[in-house]
Amino acid sequence: MIIGIPKEIKDNEYRVSLTPAGAHTLSQAGHNVLVERGAGEGSGFSDSEYAAAGAEIVSTHFEAFERAQMVMKVKEPLPEEYELLQDHLLLFTYLHLAADEELTRALMESATTAIAYETVQLPDHSLPLLTPMSEVAGRMSIQVAAQYLQKTSGGRGKLLGGVPGVLPADVVIIGGGTVGTNAAQMALGMGASVLILDIDVDRLRYLSEVLHGNLMTLASNPLNIAEAVKRADVVIGAVLLPGAQAPKLVTREMVKTMKPGSVIVDVAVDQGGCVETTRPTSHSDPIFVVDDVIHYCVTNMPGAVPRTSTYALSNATLPYAIKLADKGFTKAVKEDPALAGGVNVHEGNITCSAVGATFGMECRPLEESL
């Protein structure tokens, strides 16, 4: 199979979808890997490293798409890439279609087969291709919050962990999944007072056993969220419904009750955000202020630490890429239900029920097309 690795063009996106080691693995298996010139530079990988690994360096973004049978990316195609989508193409990347109707329609109109990393789901409901970036984003969320709590960044002027004789900052984490757990680990390690809310009491019980420090847990419901947000110095949005839009758990009215200079980091922004006042931002313009509350809603947070993120992502995606390349799309998804669950669009039809429900579009089960 011919596999294209284009350079990411999203604002300040320095990750690349494949490491030189991954290119070597695919090349050794008999596949042709096309890497756009400079695609790996942001992650510290030179063109010469890819060439030595057996990849072919191509000069243009167009060529990385046009010659490929499968394109591996990190982030979703941007509007200027829609014309590169073709009916022969298999696209393997993060898509987050429930937050992007325009891209959904572009994929349908082009009849591109699109597999979303974030909806590949194992029988135990874990998300193996989303997890590594959720870990990175969860940990980064606390670094970001600590920065914007500083007065020089417009915040309340509080040190996250406080000092002896001075109370630490109050960090409220909504959602106890991968993002929330990693955020809690970082915040607790820095000495903050941490409250995690989740609807799954068994999950809260588990977190109270494995996390150590100034930790509290609370069942998630509108009243408890409202009270927690009102007291918070930092709110981390860490809610996920696989493939679907995130529910708006923090309302505009709740945001109004927060203290001036407090910080919201909505990691769920890729799926529309779980805070009503959320809107997508970028690394070049990362924050906005609503009712004196700083909002950080960057849609590609892990892109700021590309060396770590690229390794973590490629470790997870490479086994699935090998399966697709070795067996072809149809055989691979027939043999692997988790991979089949990642298919969001096929032959012009939505195949992910959560995406179809979001836009009121018909969903055609993948098995009907195979």
Protein backbone atom coordinates (compact mmCIF):
# COMPACT_ATOMS: atom_id res chain seq x y z
CA MET A 1 0.00 0.00 0.00
CA ILE A 2 1.10 3.57 -0.67
CA ILE A 3 0.87 5.60 2.55
CA GLY A 4 1.03 9.40 2.53
CA ILE A 5 2.32 11.41 5.51
CA PRO A 6 1.54 15.08 4.85
CA LYS A 7 2.81 17.99 6.89
CA GLU A 8 0.19 19.30 9.32
CA ILE A 9 -1.05 22.78 8.45
CA LYS A 10 -3.23 23.57 11.48
CA ASP A 11 -2.11 26.60 13.50
CA ASN A 12 1.07 25.76 15.43
CA GLU A 13 0.60 22.03 14.90
CA TYR A 14 4.07 20.51 15.11
CA ARG A 15 3.16 16.83 15.44
CA VAL A 16 3.56 14.35 12.61
CA SER A 17 1.54 11.17 12.20
CA LEU A 18 4.47 8.76 11.82
CA THR A 19 7.97 8.58 13.27
CA PRO A 20 10.96 7.43 11.21
CA ALA A 21 10.80 4.15 13.15
CA GLY A 22 7.18 3.73 12.04
CA ALA A 23 8.16 4.50 8.45
CA HIS A 24 10.87 1.85 8.68
CA THR A 25 8.40 -0.75 9.99
CA LEU A 26 5.96 -0.09 7.16
CA SER A 27 8.72 0.00 4.54
CA GLN A 28 10.15 -3.31 5.77
CA ALA A 29 6.66 -4.81 5.40
CA GLY A 30 6.73 -3.89 1.71
CA HIS A 31 4.72 -0.67 1.76
CA ASN A 32 5.65 2.63 0.11
CA VAL A 33 5.72 5.53 2.57
CA LEU A 34 5.54 9.06 1.13
CA VAL A 35 6.60 11.78 3.57
CA GLU A 36 6.09 15.41 2.66
CA ARG A 37 9.28 17.43 2.88
CA GLY A 38 9.61 18.95 6.36
CA ALA A 39 6.66 17.02 7.81
CA GLY A 40 8.66 15.82 10.80
CA GLU A 41 10.74 18.90 11.51
CA GLY A 42 8.40 20.24 14.20
CA SER A 43 8.80 16.98 16.12
CA GLY A 44 12.55 16.90 15.62
CA PHE A 45 12.67 14.39 12.75
CA SER A 46 14.66 15.31 9.65
CA ASP A 47 13.88 14.32 6.08
CA SER A 48 17.15 12.39 6.02
CA GLU A 49 15.96 10.24 8.95
CA TYR A 50 12.82 9.30 7.04
CA ALA A 51 14.79 8.62 3.88
CA ALA A 52 17.20 6.39 5.80
CA ALA A 53 14.16 4.54 7.18
CA GLY A 54 13.02 3.72 3.66
CA ALA A 55 10.48 6.49 3.05
CA GLU A 56 10.26 8.56 -0.11
CA ILE A 57 10.40 12.33 0.45
CA VAL A 58 7.87 14.18 -1.71
CA SER A 59 7.99 17.89 -2.35
CA THR A 60 4.36 18.96 -2.04
CA HIS A 61 1.29 18.54 0.13
CA PHE A 62 -0.64 17.65 -3.02
CA GLU A 63 1.67 14.75 -3.84
CA ALA A 64 1.41 13.29 -0.32
CA PHE A 65 -2.35 13.03 -0.89
CA GLU A 66 -2.61 12.41 -4.63
CA ARG A 67 -0.30 9.40 -4.87
CA ALA A 68 -1.42 7.79 -1.62
CA GLN A 69 -3.97 5.06 -1.06
CA MET A 70 -4.02 5.81 2.67
CA VAL A 71 -3.22 9.18 4.22
CA MET A 72 -2.24 9.28 7.88
CA LYS A 73 -2.60 12.62 9.60
CA VAL A 74 -2.74 13.97 13.13
CA LYS A 75 -5.53 16.53 12.85
CA GLU A 76 -8.61 16.76 10.70
CA PRO A 77 -8.36 18.13 7.14
CA LEU A 78 -8.79 21.89 6.98
CA PRO A 79 -10.98 23.56 4.32
CA GLU A 80 -7.99 24.17 2.04
CA GLU A 81 -7.40 20.40 2.01
CA TYR A 82 -10.94 19.38 1.10
CA GLU A 83 -10.12 19.40 -2.62
CA LEU A 84 -7.46 16.74 -1.93
CA LEU A 85 -10.07 14.28 -0.65
CA GLN A 86 -10.84 11.59 -3.23
CA ASP A 87 -13.08 8.52 -3.45
CA HIS A 88 -10.09 6.17 -3.65
CA LEU A 89 -8.57 7.55 -0.46
CA LEU A 90 -8.50 6.03 3.02
CA LEU A 91 -8.03 8.79 5.61
CA PHE A 92 -6.74 7.78 9.05
CA THR A 93 -6.59 10.64 11.57
CA TYR A 94 -8.36 12.48 14.38
CA LEU A 95 -11.63 13.82 12.94
CA HIS A 96 -13.99 14.95 15.75
CA LEU A 97 -16.78 15.21 13.18
CA ALA A 98 -19.54 15.93 15.72
CA ALA A 99 -18.03 19.39 16.11
CA ASP A 100 -17.55 20.00 12.36
CA GLU A 101 -20.50 19.63 10.00
CA GLU A 102 -18.62 21.24 7.11
CA LEU A 103 -15.88 18.60 7.22
CA THR A 104 -18.49 15.84 7.60
CA ARG A 105 -20.20 16.96 4.40
CA ALA A 106 -16.87 17.33 2.57
CA LEU A 107 -15.97 13.73 3.42
CA MET A 108 -19.40 12.53 2.28
CA GLU A 109 -19.26 14.47 -0.99
CA SER A 110 -15.77 13.22 -1.82
CA ALA A 111 -16.69 9.62 -0.85
CA THR A 112 -13.44 9.40 1.11
CA THR A 113 -13.32 6.54 3.60
CA ALA A 114 -12.52 8.19 6.93
CA ILE A 115 -11.37 6.37 10.05
CA ALA A 116 -11.26 8.51 13.19
CA TYR A 117 -8.64 7.70 15.79
CA GLU A 118 -10.99 8.87 18.54
CA THR A 119 -13.77 6.34 17.85
CA VAL A 120 -11.65 3.19 17.59
CA GLN A 121 -12.98 1.42 20.68
CA LEU A 122 -12.03 -1.86 22.33
CA PRO A 123 -14.57 -4.26 23.89
CA ASP A 124 -13.82 -2.82 27.34
CA HIS A 125 -14.89 0.61 25.96
CA SER A 126 -11.35 2.00 26.11
CA LEU A 127 -10.17 4.25 23.28
CA PRO A 128 -6.60 3.14 22.45
CA LEU A 129 -5.85 5.84 19.86
CA LEU A 130 -7.37 8.71 21.84
CA THR A 131 -5.85 7.76 25.18
CA PRO A 132 -2.26 8.93 24.58
CA MET A 133 -3.32 12.41 23.50
CA SER A 134 -5.85 12.57 26.33
CA GLU A 135 -2.99 11.83 28.72
CA VAL A 136 -0.91 14.63 27.22
CA ALA A 137 -3.78 17.12 27.19
CA GLY A 138 -4.81 16.27 30.75
CA ARG A 139 -1.32 16.89 32.05
CA MET A 140 -0.89 20.02 29.96
CA SER A 141 -4.17 21.46 31.21
CA ILE A 142 -2.69 21.98 34.68
CA GLN A 143 0.50 23.55 33.32
CA VAL A 144 -1.67 25.93 31.32
CA ALA A 145 -3.94 26.69 34.26
CA ALA A 146 -0.96 27.44 36.51
CA GLN A 147 0.36 29.87 33.92
CA TYR A 148 -2.89 31.75 33.45
CA LEU A 149 -3.58 31.96 37.19
CA GLN A 150 -0.56 34.23 37.38
CA LYS A 151 -1.36 37.94 37.59
CA THR A 152 1.04 38.64 34.74
CA SER A 153 -1.17 36.45 32.54
CA GLY A 154 -4.38 38.13 33.71
CA GLY A 155 -5.27 35.60 36.40
CA ARG A 156 -6.11 35.83 40.10
CA GLY A 157 -2.47 35.79 41.12
CA LYS A 158 -2.59 32.46 42.92
CA LEU A 159 0.10 29.83 43.16
CA LEU A 160 -1.47 26.48 42.38
CA GLY A 161 0.02 24.72 45.40
CA GLY A 162 0.04 27.63 47.81
CA VAL A 163 2.76 27.78 50.50
CA PRO A 164 2.77 26.94 54.23
CA GLY A 165 0.20 29.15 55.90
CA VAL A 166 -1.55 29.98 52.60
CA LEU A 167 -4.29 27.86 51.05
CA PRO A 168 -3.63 26.23 47.64
CA ALA A 169 -5.77 26.90 44.58
CA ASP A 170 -9.03 25.00 44.16
CA VAL A 171 -9.02 22.89 40.99
CA VAL A 172 -12.34 21.42 39.83
CA ILE A 173 -12.13 18.64 37.24
CA ILE A 174 -15.35 17.69 35.48
CA GLY A 175 -14.96 14.12 34.27
CA GLY A 176 -12.88 11.34 35.78
CA GLY A 177 -11.70 9.63 32.59
CA THR A 178 -8.23 9.72 31.07
CA VAL A 179 -8.03 13.52 30.77
CA GLY A 180 -9.43 14.09 34.24
CA THR A 181 -7.22 11.49 35.88
CA ASN A 182 -4.05 12.90 34.32
CA ALA A 183 -5.06 16.44 35.19
CA ALA A 184 -5.65 15.37 38.77
CA GLN A 185 -2.27 13.66 38.98
CA MET A 186 -0.51 16.84 37.90
CA ALA A 187 -2.59 19.17 40.07
CA LEU A 188 -2.17 16.99 43.16
CA GLY A 189 1.56 16.74 42.49
CA MET A 190 1.75 20.52 42.48
CA GLY A 191 -0.08 20.71 45.80
CA ALA A 192 -3.47 21.98 44.64
CA SER A 193 -6.78 21.14 46.25
CA VAL A 194 -8.55 18.93 43.70
CA LEU A 195 -12.21 18.04 43.31
CA ILE A 196 -13.21 15.50 40.63
CA LEU A 197 -16.85 15.18 39.55
CA ASP A 198 -18.14 12.21 37.59
CA ILE A 199 -21.45 10.40 37.13
CA ASP A 200 -19.79 7.01 37.70
CA VAL A 201 -19.47 6.51 41.45
CA ASP A 202 -17.39 3.36 40.95
CA ARG A 203 -14.92 5.45 38.96
CA LEU A 204 -14.78 8.02 41.76
CA ARG A 205 -14.23 5.22 44.26
CA TYR A 206 -11.32 3.94 42.16
CA LEU A 207 -9.76 7.40 41.82
CA SER A 208 -9.99 8.00 45.56
CA GLU A 209 -8.01 4.79 46.07
CA VAL A 210 -5.24 5.38 43.54
CA LEU A 211 -4.72 9.15 43.72
CA HIS A 212 -3.02 10.66 46.74
CA GLY A 213 -2.98 14.19 48.07
CA ASN A 214 -5.61 16.82 48.73
CA LEU A 215 -8.31 15.03 46.70
CA MET A 216 -12.08 15.09 46.99
CA THR A 217 -14.65 13.39 44.76
CA LEU A 218 -18.26 14.30 44.14
CA ALA A 219 -21.14 12.81 42.16
CA SER A 220 -21.77 14.90 39.07
CA ASN A 221 -25.14 16.62 38.79
CA PRO A 222 -26.13 20.19 37.88
CA LEU A 223 -26.35 21.43 41.47
CA ASN A 224 -23.02 19.95 42.52
CA ILE A 225 -21.33 21.28 39.39
CA ALA A 226 -22.73 24.77 40.01
CA GLU A 227 -21.51 24.85 43.60
CA ALA A 228 -18.07 23.49 42.68
CA VAL A 229 -17.56 25.90 39.79
CA LYS A 230 -18.51 28.85 41.99
CA ARG A 231 -15.69 28.02 44.44
CA ALA A 232 -13.09 27.07 41.81
CA ASP A 233 -9.95 28.91 40.86
CA VAL A 234 -9.50 26.48 37.95
CA VAL A 235 -12.08 24.41 36.08
CA ILE A 236 -10.88 21.62 33.78
CA GLY A 237 -13.46 20.36 31.26
CA ALA A 238 -12.69 16.67 30.78
CA VAL A 239 -15.95 15.16 29.55
CA LEU A 240 -16.15 12.75 26.60
CA LEU A 241 -18.94 10.96 24.80
CA PRO A 242 -17.13 8.95 22.08
CA GLY A 243 -17.91 10.37 18.64
CA ALA A 244 -20.62 12.72 19.94
CA GLN A 245 -20.75 16.34 21.00
CA ALA A 246 -19.76 16.95 24.59
CA PRO A 247 -22.69 17.89 26.86
CA LYS A 248 -22.73 21.48 28.10
CA LEU A 249 -22.38 20.78 31.82
CA VAL A 250 -21.08 24.21 32.82
CA THR A 251 -23.64 26.83 31.84
CA ARG A 252 -23.11 30.50 31.09
CA GLU A 253 -24.84 31.32 34.36
CA MET A 254 -22.36 29.15 36.26
CA VAL A 255 -19.44 30.93 34.60
CA LYS A 256 -20.86 34.27 35.80
CA THR A 257 -20.58 33.07 39.41
CA MET A 258 -16.85 32.34 39.13
CA LYS A 259 -14.27 34.61 40.72
CA PRO A 260 -12.61 37.24 38.48
CA GLY A 261 -9.31 35.96 37.14
CA SER A 262 -10.19 32.28 37.51
CA VAL A 263 -9.35 29.94 34.65
CA ILE A 264 -11.30 27.46 32.52
CA VAL A 265 -9.38 24.93 30.42
CA ASP A 266 -11.93 23.07 28.28
CA VAL A 267 -10.09 20.02 26.97
CA ALA A 268 -13.40 18.80 25.50
CA VAL A 269 -13.31 21.63 22.94
CA ASP A 270 -12.53 19.17 20.10
CA GLN A 271 -16.01 17.74 20.62
CA GLY A 272 -17.64 21.14 21.03
CA GLY A 273 -16.68 21.71 24.66
CA CYS A 274 -18.49 21.00 27.93
CA VAL A 275 -18.64 24.68 28.95
CA GLU A 276 -21.37 26.78 27.35
CA THR A 277 -19.04 29.76 26.84
CA THR A 278 -16.39 27.68 25.09
CA ARG A 279 -15.29 28.47 21.55
CA PRO A 280 -12.26 27.00 19.76
CA THR A 281 -8.96 28.86 20.05
CA SER A 282 -5.45 28.29 18.70
CA HIS A 283 -1.92 28.30 20.07
CA SER A 284 -1.29 31.67 18.44
CA ASP A 285 -4.40 33.16 20.13
CA PRO A 286 -5.12 30.75 22.99
CA ILE A 287 -7.42 32.58 25.39
CA PHE A 288 -10.46 34.82 25.62
CA VAL A 289 -12.26 36.30 28.60
CA VAL A 290 -15.96 35.98 29.43
CA ASP A 291 -17.32 37.58 32.62
CA ASP A 292 -13.74 38.14 33.85
CA VAL A 293 -13.00 34.40 33.55
CA ILE A 294 -10.07 33.31 31.37
CA HIS A 295 -10.97 30.59 28.87
CA TYR A 296 -8.27 28.42 27.29
CA CYS A 297 -9.83 26.29 24.53
CA VAL A 298 -7.02 25.30 22.16
CA THR A 299 -8.17 22.46 19.93
CA ASN A 300 -4.74 20.89 19.51
CA MET A 301 -3.13 21.24 22.92
CA PRO A 302 -0.67 18.32 22.46
CA GLY A 303 0.74 20.07 19.39
CA ALA A 304 2.69 22.31 21.78
CA VAL A 305 4.75 19.32 22.96
CA PRO A 306 5.19 17.52 19.64
CA ARG A 307 8.22 15.43 20.49
CA THR A 308 6.37 13.69 23.32
CA SER A 309 3.03 13.66 21.50
CA THR A 310 4.28 12.26 18.20
CA TYR A 311 5.99 9.33 19.88
CA ALA A 312 2.93 8.63 22.03
CA LEU A 313 0.54 8.85 19.08
CA SER A 314 2.63 6.77 16.69
CA ASN A 315 3.09 4.06 19.33
CA ALA A 316 -0.69 3.69 19.43
CA THR A 317 -1.63 4.12 15.76
CA LEU A 318 1.13 2.13 14.07
CA PRO A 319 -0.29 -1.37 14.78
CA TYR A 320 -3.61 -0.32 13.22
CA ALA A 321 -1.86 1.31 10.25
CA ILE A 322 0.06 -1.92 9.66
CA LYS A 323 -3.18 -3.90 9.78
CA LEU A 324 -4.85 -1.59 7.24
CA ALA A 325 -1.81 -1.61 4.95
CA ASP A 326 -1.24 -5.37 5.10
CA LYS A 327 -4.85 -6.51 4.79
CA GLY A 328 -6.55 -3.62 3.01
CA PHE A 329 -9.51 -1.67 4.40
CA THR A 330 -12.29 -4.23 3.93
CA LYS A 331 -10.52 -7.24 5.40
CA ALA A 332 -8.98 -5.22 8.24
CA VAL A 333 -12.30 -3.80 9.49
CA LYS A 334 -14.12 -7.10 9.05
CA GLU A 335 -11.55 -8.82 11.26
CA ASP A 336 -11.24 -6.05 13.85
CA PRO A 337 -14.49 -4.68 15.32
CA ALA A 338 -12.56 -1.95 17.18
CA LEU A 339 -11.15 -0.64 13.91
CA ALA A 340 -14.56 -0.91 12.27
CA GLY A 341 -15.91 1.31 15.03
CA GLY A 342 -13.44 3.96 13.94
CA VAL A 343 -15.03 4.28 10.49
CA ASN A 344 -17.05 7.50 10.45
CA VAL A 345 -17.68 7.93 6.71
CA HIS A 346 -17.64 5.32 3.95
CA GLU A 347 -18.80 5.55 0.31
CA GLY A 348 -20.47 8.91 0.95
CA ASN A 349 -22.42 7.71 3.98
CA ILE A 350 -22.09 8.45 7.68
CA THR A 351 -21.37 5.18 9.48
CA CYS A 352 -20.94 6.55 13.01
CA SER A 353 -24.32 6.80 14.72
CA ALA A 354 -23.19 9.54 17.13
CA VAL A 355 -22.18 11.79 14.21
CA GLY A 356 -25.41 11.11 12.35
CA ALA A 357 -27.48 11.90 15.42
CA THR A 358 -25.61 15.16 15.98
CA PHE A 359 -26.51 16.52 12.55
CA GLY A 360 -29.82 14.74 12.05
CA MET A 361 -28.36 12.77 9.14
CA GLU A 362 -29.05 9.19 8.21
CA CYS A 363 -26.47 6.71 9.46
CA ARG A 364 -25.78 3.66 7.31
CA PRO A 365 -24.20 0.79 9.25
CA LEU A 366 -20.77 -0.09 7.89
CA GLU A 367 -21.63 -3.77 7.46
CA GLU A 368 -24.21 -2.83 4.81
CA SER A 369 -21.44 -1.36 2.66
CA LEU A 370 -18.89 -4.13 3.01
